[in-house]
C-alpha atoms as a PDB file:
ATOM      1  CA  MET A   1       9.498  10.393   5.733  1.00  0.00           C
ATOM      2  CA  THR A   2       6.265  12.630   6.188  1.00  0.00           C
ATOM      3  CA  LEU A   3       7.868  14.663   8.999  1.00  0.00           C
ATOM      4  CA  ILE A   4      11.117  15.077   7.039  1.00  0.00           C
ATOM      5  CA  THR A   5       9.130  16.321   4.119  1.00  0.00           C
ATOM      6  CA  LEU A   6       7.303  18.953   6.240  1.00  0.00           C
ATOM      7  CA  LEU A   7      10.374  19.972   8.015  1.00  0.00           C
ATOM      8  CA  VAL A   8      12.341  20.454   4.764  1.00  0.00           C
ATOM      9  CA  VAL A   9       9.649  22.315   2.983  1.00  0.00           C
ATOM     10  CA  ALA A  10       8.942  24.463   6.003  1.00  0.00           C
ATOM     11  CA  LEU A  11      12.662  25.422   6.414  1.00  0.00           C
ATOM     12  CA  VAL A  12      13.292  26.167   2.846  1.00  0.00           C
ATOM     13  CA  VAL A  13      10.174  28.487   2.579  1.00  0.00           C
ATOM     14  CA  ALA A  14      11.095  30.139   5.940  1.00  0.00           C
ATOM     15  CA  LEU A  15      14.775  30.882   4.863  1.00  0.00           C
ATOM     16  CA  ALA A  16      13.528  31.998   1.535  1.00  0.00           C
ATOM     17  CA  LEU A  17      11.061  34.551   2.857  1.00  0.00           C
ATOM     18  CA  VAL A  18      13.638  35.718   5.576  1.00  0.00           C
ATOM     19  CA  TYR A  19      16.224  36.144   2.899  1.00  0.00           C
ATOM     20  CA  ARG A  20      13.600  38.252   0.626  1.00  0.00           C
ATOM     21  CA  ARG A  21      12.699  40.436   3.483  1.00  0.00           C
ATOM     22  CA  VAL A  22      15.973  40.977   5.258  1.00  0.00           C
ATOM     23  CA  TRP A  23      18.391  41.292   2.410  1.00  0.00           C
ATOM     24  CA  ARG A  24      17.611  43.700  -0.351  1.00  0.00           C
ATOM     25  CA  PRO A  25      20.468  44.239  -3.009  1.00  0.00           C
ATOM     26  CA  PRO A  26      21.046  47.828  -4.087  1.00  0.00           C
ATOM     27  CA  ALA A  27      19.187  49.020  -7.087  1.00  0.00           C
ATOM     28  CA  GLY A  28      22.316  49.163  -9.244  1.00  0.00           C
ATOM     29  CA  VAL A  29      23.112  45.471  -8.371  1.00  0.00           C
ATOM     30  CA  ARG A  30      19.826  44.093  -9.541  1.00  0.00           C
ATOM     31  CA  MET A  31      19.430  44.396 -13.275  1.00  0.00           C
ATOM     32  CA  PRO A  32      16.028  45.039 -14.993  1.00  0.00           C
ATOM     33  CA  GLY A  33      14.381  41.831 -16.201  1.00  0.00           C
ATOM     34  CA  ASP A  34      16.352  39.502 -13.811  1.00  0.00           C
ATOM     35  CA  GLY A  35      13.053  38.140 -12.484  1.00  0.00           C
ATOM     36  CA  LEU A  36      11.858  37.095 -15.990  1.00  0.00           C
ATOM     37  CA  SER A  37      15.166  35.682 -16.869  1.00  0.00           C
ATOM     38  CA  VAL A  38      15.254  33.541 -13.623  1.00  0.00           C
ATOM     39  CA  GLY A  39      11.731  32.313 -14.256  1.00  0.00           C
ATOM     40  CA  GLU A  40      12.826  31.223 -17.876  1.00  0.00           C
ATOM     41  CA  LEU A  41      15.731  29.385 -16.310  1.00  0.00           C
ATOM     42  CA  MET A  42      13.584  27.805 -13.604  1.00  0.00           C
ATOM     43  CA  ALA A  43      10.843  26.606 -16.064  1.00  0.00           C
ATOM     44  CA  PRO A  44      12.372  23.265 -17.008  1.00  0.00           C
ATOM     45  CA  LEU A  45      13.103  22.391 -13.289  1.00  0.00           C
ATOM     46  CA  ALA A  46       9.671  23.399 -12.222  1.00  0.00           C
ATOM     47  CA  SER A  47       8.146  21.414 -15.087  1.00  0.00           C
ATOM     48  CA  LEU A  48      10.258  18.367 -14.160  1.00  0.00           C
ATOM     49  CA  ALA A  49       9.170  18.591 -10.533  1.00  0.00           C
ATOM     50  CA  VAL A  50       5.604  18.839 -11.427  1.00  0.00           C
ATOM     51  CA  ILE A  51       5.761  16.042 -14.188  1.00  0.00           C
ATOM     52  CA  LEU A  52       7.687  13.799 -11.747  1.00  0.00           C
ATOM     53  CA  LEU A  53       5.212  14.180  -8.800  1.00  0.00           C
ATOM     54  CA  VAL A  54       2.126  13.443 -11.151  1.00  0.00           C
ATOM     55  CA  PHE A  55       3.846  10.501 -12.628  1.00  0.00           C
ATOM     56  CA  VAL A  56       4.676   8.935  -9.345  1.00  0.00           C
ATOM     57  CA  LEU A  57       1.296   9.898  -7.771  1.00  0.00           C
ATOM     58  CA  VAL A  58      -0.395   7.906 -10.612  1.00  0.00           C
ATOM     59  CA  GLN A  59       1.775   4.983 -10.132  1.00  0.00           C
ATOM     60  CA  THR A  60       1.334   4.910  -6.443  1.00  0.00           C
ATOM     61  CA  TYR A  61      -2.343   5.294  -6.760  1.00  0.00           C
ATOM     62  CA  ALA A  62      -2.514   2.313  -9.207  1.00  0.00           C
ATOM     63  CA  SER A  63      -0.762   0.214  -6.690  1.00  0.00           C
ATOM     64  CA  TRP A  64      -3.046   1.247  -3.986  1.00  0.00           C
ATOM     65  CA  ALA A  65      -6.078   0.344  -6.131  1.00  0.00           C
ATOM     66  CA  ALA A  66      -4.577  -2.966  -7.142  1.00  0.00           C
ATOM     67  CA  ALA A  67      -4.132  -3.897  -3.552  1.00  0.00           C
ATOM     68  CA  GLY A  68      -7.843  -3.505  -3.127  1.00  0.00           C
ATOM     69  CA  THR A  69      -8.595  -5.651  -6.272  1.00  0.00           C
ATOM     70  CA  ALA A  70      -6.226  -8.316  -4.997  1.00  0.00           C
ATOM     71  CA  GLU A  71      -7.985  -8.637  -1.727  1.00  0.00           C
ATOM     72  CA  THR A  72     -11.327  -8.850  -3.345  1.00  0.00           C
ATOM     73  CA  ASP A  73     -10.136 -11.657  -5.687  1.00  0.00           C
ATOM     74  CA  GLU A  74      -8.551 -13.581  -2.821  1.00  0.00           C
ATOM     75  CA  ALA A  75     -11.798 -13.375  -0.756  1.00  0.00           C
ATOM     76  CA  THR A  76     -13.825 -14.465  -3.663  1.00  0.00           C
ATOM     77  CA  ALA A  77     -11.606 -17.421  -4.142  1.00  0.00           C
ATOM     78  CA  THR A  78     -11.776 -18.205  -0.545  1.00  0.00           C
ATOM     79  CA  LEU A  79     -15.696 -18.070  -0.526  1.00  0.00           C
ATOM     80  CA  LEU A  80     -15.518 -20.425  -3.571  1.00  0.00           C
ATOM     81  CA  LEU A  81     -13.263 -22.923  -1.736  1.00  0.00           C
ATOM     82  CA  PHE A  82     -15.686 -22.955   1.069  1.00  0.00           C
ATOM     83  CA  ARG A  83     -18.593 -23.750  -1.218  1.00  0.00           C
ATOM     84  CA  GLU A  84     -16.837 -26.244  -3.150  1.00  0.00           C
ATOM     85  CA  ALA A  85     -16.094 -28.277   0.023  1.00  0.00           C
ATOM     86  CA  ASP A  86     -19.781 -28.941   0.350  1.00  0.00           C
ATOM     87  CA  LEU A  87     -19.482 -31.210  -2.799  1.00  0.00           C
ATOM     88  CA  VAL A  88     -17.077 -33.473  -1.013  1.00  0.00           C
ATOM     89  CA  ALA A  89     -18.701 -36.804  -0.415  1.00  0.00           C
ATOM     90  CA  ASP A  90     -16.969 -37.715   2.849  1.00  0.00           C
ATOM     91  CA  ALA A  91     -18.703 -35.640   5.604  1.00  0.00           C
ATOM     92  CA  ARG A  92     -15.457 -35.572   7.902  1.00  0.00           C
ATOM     93  CA  VAL A  93     -13.215 -34.352   5.127  1.00  0.00           C
ATOM     94  CA  CYS A  94     -15.989 -31.856   4.209  1.00  0.00           C
ATOM     95  CA  SER A  95     -16.343 -30.483   7.821  1.00  0.00           C
ATOM     96  CA  ARG A  96     -12.485 -30.347   8.079  1.00  0.00           C
ATOM     97  CA  LEU A  97     -12.033 -28.373   4.930  1.00  0.00           C
ATOM     98  CA  ARG A  98     -14.602 -25.975   5.629  1.00  0.00           C
ATOM     99  CA  LYS A  99     -13.110 -25.175   9.066  1.00  0.00           C
ATOM    100  CA  GLN A 100      -9.625 -24.840   7.501  1.00  0.00           C
ATOM    101  CA  VAL A 101     -11.069 -22.396   5.029  1.00  0.00           C
ATOM    102  CA  VAL A 102     -12.512 -20.293   7.806  1.00  0.00           C
ATOM    103  CA  CYS A 103      -9.185 -20.341   9.767  1.00  0.00           C
ATOM    104  CA  TYR A 104      -7.453 -19.291   6.638  1.00  0.00           C
ATOM    105  CA  ALA A 105      -9.525 -16.236   6.313  1.00  0.00           C
ATOM    106  CA  SER A 106      -9.076 -15.425  10.024  1.00  0.00           C
ATOM    107  CA  SER A 107      -5.344 -15.634   9.631  1.00  0.00           C
ATOM    108  CA  VAL A 108      -5.391 -13.251   6.578  1.00  0.00           C
ATOM    109  CA  ILE A 109      -7.158 -10.775   8.743  1.00  0.00           C
ATOM    110  CA  HIS A 110      -5.149 -11.054  11.957  1.00  0.00           C
ATOM    111  CA  GLN A 111      -1.739 -12.317  10.934  1.00  0.00           C
ATOM    112  CA  ASP A 112      -0.946 -11.456   7.319  1.00  0.00           C
ATOM    113  CA  TRP A 113      -2.480  -7.874   7.359  1.00  0.00           C
ATOM    114  CA  PRO A 114      -0.604  -6.575  10.362  1.00  0.00           C
ATOM    115  CA  ALA A 115       2.768  -8.155   8.815  1.00  0.00           C
ATOM    116  CA  MET A 116       1.974  -6.387   5.451  1.00  0.00           C
ATOM    117  CA  GLY A 117       1.963  -3.024   7.327  1.00  0.00           C
ATOM    118  CA  ASP A 118       5.707  -3.852   8.206  1.00  0.00           C
ATOM    119  CA  ARG A 119       6.350  -5.154   4.630  1.00  0.00           C
ATOM    120  CA  ARG A 120       6.517  -8.549   5.809  1.00  0.00           C
ATOM    121  CA  VAL A 121       4.526 -11.861   5.239  1.00  0.00           C
ATOM    122  CA  SER A 122       3.087 -14.172   7.919  1.00  0.00           C
ATOM    123  CA  SER A 123       3.548 -17.990   7.951  1.00  0.00           C
ATOM    124  CA  VAL A 124       0.199 -18.624   9.355  1.00  0.00           C
ATOM    125  CA  PRO A 125      -1.991 -18.276   6.220  1.00  0.00           C
ATOM    126  CA  THR A 126       0.615 -20.498   4.427  1.00  0.00           C
ATOM    127  CA  TYR A 127       0.083 -23.257   6.944  1.00  0.00           C
ATOM    128  CA  TRP A 128      -3.695 -23.316   6.323  1.00  0.00           C
ATOM    129  CA  ALA A 129      -3.461 -22.962   2.644  1.00  0.00           C
ATOM    130  CA  ALA A 130      -1.059 -26.013   2.562  1.00  0.00           C
ATOM    131  CA  LEU A 131      -3.631 -28.098   4.390  1.00  0.00           C
ATOM    132  CA  ILE A 132      -6.421 -26.988   2.042  1.00  0.00           C
ATOM    133  CA  ARG A 133      -4.435 -27.713  -1.107  1.00  0.00           C
ATOM    134  CA  ASP A 134      -3.117 -31.066   0.361  1.00  0.00           C
ATOM    135  CA  ALA A 135      -6.717 -32.171   0.897  1.00  0.00           C
ATOM    136  CA  GLY A 136      -7.596 -31.233  -2.601  1.00  0.00           C
ATOM    137  CA  VAL A 137      -4.730 -33.178  -4.140  1.00  0.00           C
ATOM    138  CA  ARG A 138      -5.543 -36.127  -2.073  1.00  0.00           C
ATOM    139  CA  LEU A 139      -9.187 -36.137  -3.342  1.00  0.00           C
ATOM    140  CA  VAL A 140      -7.912 -35.862  -6.982  1.00  0.00           C
ATOM    141  CA  ARG A 141      -5.621 -38.757  -6.525  1.00  0.00           C
ATOM    142  CA  ALA A 142      -7.961 -40.980  -4.902  1.00  0.00           C
ATOM    143  CA  ARG A 143      -9.456 -44.024  -6.744  1.00  0.00           C
ATOM    144  CA  GLY A 144     -11.878 -42.815  -9.367  1.00  0.00           C
ATOM    145  CA  GLY A 145     -10.733 -39.125  -8.964  1.00  0.00           C
ATOM    146  CA  SER A 146     -12.942 -36.451  -7.645  1.00  0.00           C
ATOM    147  CA  ALA A 147     -14.572 -33.304  -9.482  1.00  0.00           C
ATOM    148  CA  ALA A 148     -14.869 -31.622  -6.268  1.00  0.00           C
ATOM    149  CA  GLY A 149     -11.117 -32.177  -5.438  1.00  0.00           C
ATOM    150  CA  GLU A 150     -10.203 -30.741  -8.916  1.00  0.00           C
ATOM    151  CA  ASN A 151     -12.250 -27.684  -8.289  1.00  0.00           C
ATOM    152  CA  LEU A 152     -10.694 -27.245  -4.998  1.00  0.00           C
ATOM    153  CA  VAL A 153      -7.284 -27.299  -6.401  1.00  0.00           C
ATOM    154  CA  ARG A 154      -8.437 -24.914  -8.985  1.00  0.00           C
ATOM    155  CA  HIS A 155      -9.874 -22.325  -6.535  1.00  0.00           C
ATOM    156  CA  ASP A 156      -6.816 -22.692  -4.409  1.00  0.00           C
ATOM    157  CA  GLY A 157      -4.669 -21.713  -7.310  1.00  0.00           C
ATOM    158  CA  GLU A 158      -6.865 -18.731  -7.792  1.00  0.00           C
ATOM    159  CA  ARG A 159      -6.532 -17.878  -4.136  1.00  0.00           C
ATOM    160  CA  ALA A 160      -2.791 -18.232  -4.066  1.00  0.00           C
ATOM    161  CA  THR A 161      -2.434 -16.019  -7.205  1.00  0.00           C
ATOM    162  CA  ALA A 162      -4.447 -13.282  -5.563  1.00  0.00           C
ATOM    163  CA  ARG A 163      -2.502 -13.621  -2.397  1.00  0.00           C
ATOM    164  CA  GLN A 164       0.604 -13.016  -4.280  1.00  0.00           C
ATOM    165  CA  HIS A 165      -0.723  -9.948  -5.921  1.00  0.00           C
ATOM    166  CA  ARG A 166      -1.783  -8.690  -2.537  1.00  0.00           C
ATOM    167  CA  LEU A 167       1.553  -9.321  -0.996  1.00  0.00           C
ATOM    168  CA  GLY A 168       3.226  -7.824  -3.961  1.00  0.00           C
ATOM    169  CA  GLU A 169       1.376  -4.584  -3.473  1.00  0.00           C
ATOM    170  CA  ALA A 170       2.987  -4.404   0.109  1.00  0.00           C
ATOM    171  CA  ARG A 171       6.318  -3.916  -1.344  1.00  0.00           C
ATOM    172  CA  GLN A 172       7.796  -0.382  -1.645  1.00  0.00           C
ATOM    173  CA  THR A 173       6.759   1.208  -5.064  1.00  0.00           C
ATOM    174  CA  VAL A 174       8.778   4.416  -4.901  1.00  0.00           C
ATOM    175  CA  PRO A 175      12.537   3.779  -4.381  1.00  0.00           C
ATOM    176  CA  THR A 176      14.300   5.826  -1.680  1.00  0.00           C
ATOM    177  CA  ALA A 177      16.379   7.552  -4.376  1.00  0.00           C
ATOM    178  CA  LEU A 178      13.363   8.722  -6.269  1.00  0.00           C
ATOM    179  CA  SER A 179      11.857   9.973  -3.156  1.00  0.00           C
ATOM    180  CA  GLY A 180      14.920  11.928  -2.443  1.00  0.00           C
ATOM    181  CA  LEU A 181      14.959  13.451  -6.033  1.00  0.00           C
ATOM    182  CA  MET A 182      11.338  14.586  -5.783  1.00  0.00           C
ATOM    183  CA  LEU A 183      11.945  16.037  -2.315  1.00  0.00           C
ATOM    184  CA  GLY A 184      15.078  18.023  -3.725  1.00  0.00           C
ATOM    185  CA  ALA A 185      13.323  19.160  -6.722  1.00  0.00           C
ATOM    186  CA  VAL A 186      10.408  20.488  -4.681  1.00  0.00           C
ATOM    187  CA  ALA A 187      12.921  22.213  -2.342  1.00  0.00           C
ATOM    188  CA  VAL A 188      14.859  23.953  -5.105  1.00  0.00           C
ATOM    189  CA  VAL A 189      11.628  25.231  -6.802  1.00  0.00           C
ATOM    190  CA  LEU A 190      10.244  26.599  -3.605  1.00  0.00           C
ATOM    191  CA  ALA A 191      13.698  28.193  -2.709  1.00  0.00           C
ATOM    192  CA  VAL A 192      13.725  30.031  -6.248  1.00  0.00           C
ATOM    193  CA  ILE A 193      10.061  31.047  -5.952  1.00  0.00           C
ATOM    194  CA  GLY A 194      10.714  32.501  -2.429  1.00  0.00           C
ATOM    195  CA  THR A 195      13.879  34.368  -3.116  1.00  0.00           C
ATOM    196  CA  LEU A 196      13.701  35.597  -6.788  1.00  0.00           C
ATOM    197  CA  PRO A 197      10.416  37.143  -7.644  1.00  0.00           C
ATOM    198  CA  LYS A 198      10.231  40.050  -9.982  1.00  0.00           C
ATOM    199  CA  ALA A 199      10.598  43.459  -8.339  1.00  0.00           C
ATOM    200  CA  ASP A 200       7.051  44.586  -8.974  1.00  0.00           C
ATOM    201  CA  VAL A 201       5.413  41.631  -7.174  1.00  0.00           C
ATOM    202  CA  ALA A 202       3.767  42.796  -4.018  1.00  0.00           C
ATOM    203  CA  GLY A 203       4.854  41.258  -0.823  1.00  0.00           C
ATOM    204  CA  ARG A 204       1.406  39.833   0.099  1.00  0.00           C
ATOM    205  CA  VAL A 205       0.930  38.404  -3.266  1.00  0.00           C
ATOM    206  CA  HIS A 206       4.430  36.783  -3.224  1.00  0.00           C
ATOM    207  CA  LEU A 207       3.861  35.279   0.422  1.00  0.00           C
ATOM    208  CA  ALA A 208       0.484  33.848  -0.694  1.00  0.00           C
ATOM    209  CA  ILE A 209       2.049  32.188  -3.910  1.00  0.00           C
ATOM    210  CA  VAL A 210       5.055  30.704  -1.955  1.00  0.00           C
ATOM    211  CA  VAL A 211       2.750  29.315   0.866  1.00  0.00           C
ATOM    212  CA  ALA A 212       0.145  27.986  -1.601  1.00  0.00           C
ATOM    213  CA  ALA A 213       2.924  26.138  -3.672  1.00  0.00           C
ATOM    214  CA  ALA A 214       4.432  24.857  -0.405  1.00  0.00           C
ATOM    215  CA  VAL A 215       1.097  23.498   0.596  1.00  0.00           C
ATOM    216  CA  VAL A 216       0.447  21.735  -2.706  1.00  0.00           C
ATOM    217  CA  PHE A 217       3.756  20.221  -3.148  1.00  0.00           C
ATOM    218  CA  ALA A 218       3.857  19.138   0.463  1.00  0.00           C
ATOM    219  CA  ALA A 219       0.524  17.538   0.278  1.00  0.00           C
ATOM    220  CA  THR A 220       1.400  15.774  -2.999  1.00  0.00           C
ATOM    221  CA  LEU A 221       4.655  14.150  -1.466  1.00  0.00           C
ATOM    222  CA  ILE A 222       2.606  13.131   1.715  1.00  0.00           C
ATOM    223  CA  LEU A 223      -0.086  11.575  -0.575  1.00  0.00           C
ATOM    224  CA  ILE A 224       2.470   9.642  -2.507  1.00  0.00           C
ATOM    225  CA  ARG A 225       3.971   8.322   0.560  1.00  0.00           C
ATOM    226  CA  GLY A 226       0.554   7.332   2.002  1.00  0.00           C
ATOM    227  CA  LEU A 227      -0.515   5.438  -1.249  1.00  0.00           C
ATOM    228  CA  ASP A 228       2.811   3.734  -1.398  1.00  0.00           C
ATOM    229  CA  GLN A 229       1.936   2.092   1.858  1.00  0.00           C
ATOM    230  CA  PRO A 230      -1.681   0.553   1.189  1.00  0.00           C
ATOM    231  CA  TYR A 231      -1.546  -1.537   4.475  1.00  0.00           C
ATOM    232  CA  SER A 232      -0.243   1.031   6.842  1.00  0.00           C
ATOM    233  CA  GLY A 233      -0.377   4.863   7.310  1.00  0.00           C
ATOM    234  CA  PRO A 234      -3.264   7.217   7.172  1.00  0.00           C
ATOM    235  CA  LEU A 235      -4.470   5.738   3.653  1.00  0.00           C
ATOM    236  CA  HIS A 236      -4.290   1.974   4.828  1.00  0.00           C
ATOM    237  CA  ARG A 237      -6.641  -0.440   3.417  1.00  0.00           C
ATOM    238  CA  ASN A 238      -8.675  -2.692   5.868  1.00  0.00           C
ATOM    239  CA  PRO A 239      -9.429  -6.389   5.092  1.00  0.00           C
ATOM    240  CA  THR A 240     -13.170  -5.484   4.647  1.00  0.00           C
ATOM    241  CA  GLU A 241     -13.869  -8.055   1.944  1.00  0.00           C
ATOM    242  CA  THR A 242     -11.948 -10.880   3.682  1.00  0.00           C
ATOM    243  CA  GLN A 243     -13.855 -10.043   6.980  1.00  0.00           C
ATOM    244  CA  PHE A 244     -17.109  -9.990   5.170  1.00  0.00           C
ATOM    245  CA  VAL A 245     -16.444 -13.577   3.782  1.00  0.00           C
ATOM    246  CA  ARG A 246     -15.116 -14.876   6.999  1.00  0.00           C
ATOM    247  CA  ASP A 247     -18.060 -13.827   8.891  1.00  0.00           C
ATOM    248  CA  GLN A 248     -20.409 -15.209   6.249  1.00  0.00           C
ATOM    249  CA  ILE A 249     -18.840 -18.609   6.173  1.00  0.00           C
ATOM    250  CA  ALA A 250     -18.100 -18.889   9.864  1.00  0.00           C
ATOM    251  CA  ALA A 251     -21.734 -18.619  10.638  1.00  0.00           C
ATOM    252  CA  VAL A 252     -22.733 -21.941   8.977  1.00  0.00           C
ATOM    253  CA  VAL A 253     -19.713 -23.919  10.361  1.00  0.00           C
ATOM    254  CA  ARG A 254     -20.763 -26.326  13.120  1.00  0.00           C
ATOM    255  CA  GLY A 255     -18.290 -27.439  16.007  1.00  0.00           C
ATOM    256  CA  PRO A 256     -15.233 -25.901  17.218  1.00  0.00           C
ATOM    257  CA  LEU A 257     -12.593 -24.484  14.869  1.00  0.00           C
ATOM    258  CA  PRO A 258      -9.111 -25.818  14.806  1.00  0.00           C
ATOM    259  CA  CYS A 259      -7.946 -22.369  15.370  1.00  0.00           C
ATOM    260  CA  ASP A 260      -8.552 -19.272  17.560  1.00  0.00           C
ATOM    261  CA  ASP A 261     -10.111 -16.080  16.595  1.00  0.00           C
ATOM    262  CA  ALA A 262      -6.690 -14.819  15.214  1.00  0.00           C
ATOM    263  CA  GLY A 263      -6.447 -17.853  13.000  1.00  0.00           C
ATOM    264  CA  MET A 264      -3.641 -19.411  15.091  1.00  0.00           C
ATOM    265  CA  PRO A 265      -3.789 -23.189  15.145  1.00  0.00           C
ATOM    266  CA  THR A 266      -4.841 -24.597  18.419  1.00  0.00           C
ATOM    267  CA  ARG A 267      -4.309 -28.290  17.995  1.00  0.00           C
ATOM    268  CA  VAL A 268      -0.754 -28.227  16.839  1.00  0.00           C
ATOM    269  CA  ARG A 269       1.847 -28.342  19.506  1.00  0.00           C
ATOM    270  CA  GLY A 270       4.767 -26.173  19.329  1.00  0.00           C
ATOM    271  CA  PHE A 271       3.416 -24.142  16.273  1.00  0.00           C
ATOM    272  CA  ARG A 272       5.006 -20.797  16.162  1.00  0.00           C
ATOM    273  CA  ALA A 273       3.976 -17.996  13.885  1.00  0.00           C
ATOM    274  CA  THR A 274       6.869 -16.371  12.034  1.00  0.00           C
ATOM    275  CA  THR A 275       7.086 -13.594   9.654  1.00  0.00           C
ATOM    276  CA  ALA A 276       9.569 -12.957   6.776  1.00  0.00           C
ATOM    277  CA  PRO A 277      10.491  -9.720   4.769  1.00  0.00           C
ATOM    278  CA  LEU A 278       8.790  -9.367   1.491  1.00  0.00           C
ATOM    279  CA  GLY A 279      12.033  -8.155  -0.150  1.00  0.00           C
END
């Protein structure tokens, strides 16, 4: 899409400038005031193009910022899960839970994050999340109940909610039709600016205005495209908060983890990581 945007904008500007320099209508054909009247006719379309770009830019930036907030919330909930496991009375259950939380964080970084770049979701974090929740539920259902189990289930709910928000921001915000409309509006505005200036506008001034407008419009379209892909592209977000939490909790875990560095289970035969489209 970025390449197409650049090609369309560059082609329209080039054709408009060539038309302006090569074909000059006779003086009697061009009526006085044509430039002004054309400008008046183009004002609604130019305003629509600018308003549309600004509106979509604000929306995509909000989505891009929300992706960072969702990751922070998920990382915080993951850290709370790890700390809550310290309150589990059974030492074996406590150790197992702590290791599973570390594996969950690793799988978010190395499995979920690359998948989100393709607008997909990985099954590996879901696997570890199911084990953690199951452990919390068993603690709650045990004889006498467990305050730690209740807190584990609560924090796991916070983690799951934050993950859903994070995955939601990986979905496309700007529909293809809207992208086409913005590109078409920009192309028409640039074509008119390039071909129908007033007669008394100097050539160099006209060239500078057309090129400046083309640069601003193209940069805005490309920026919108980048913000609409918070997990891929030049403006992609990195899992910095999750990585920080993962490093912090992994440093205090003793014994081997039930997963490798990428969060893949190492003690489950036949386990296969899969991805599914986010829709």
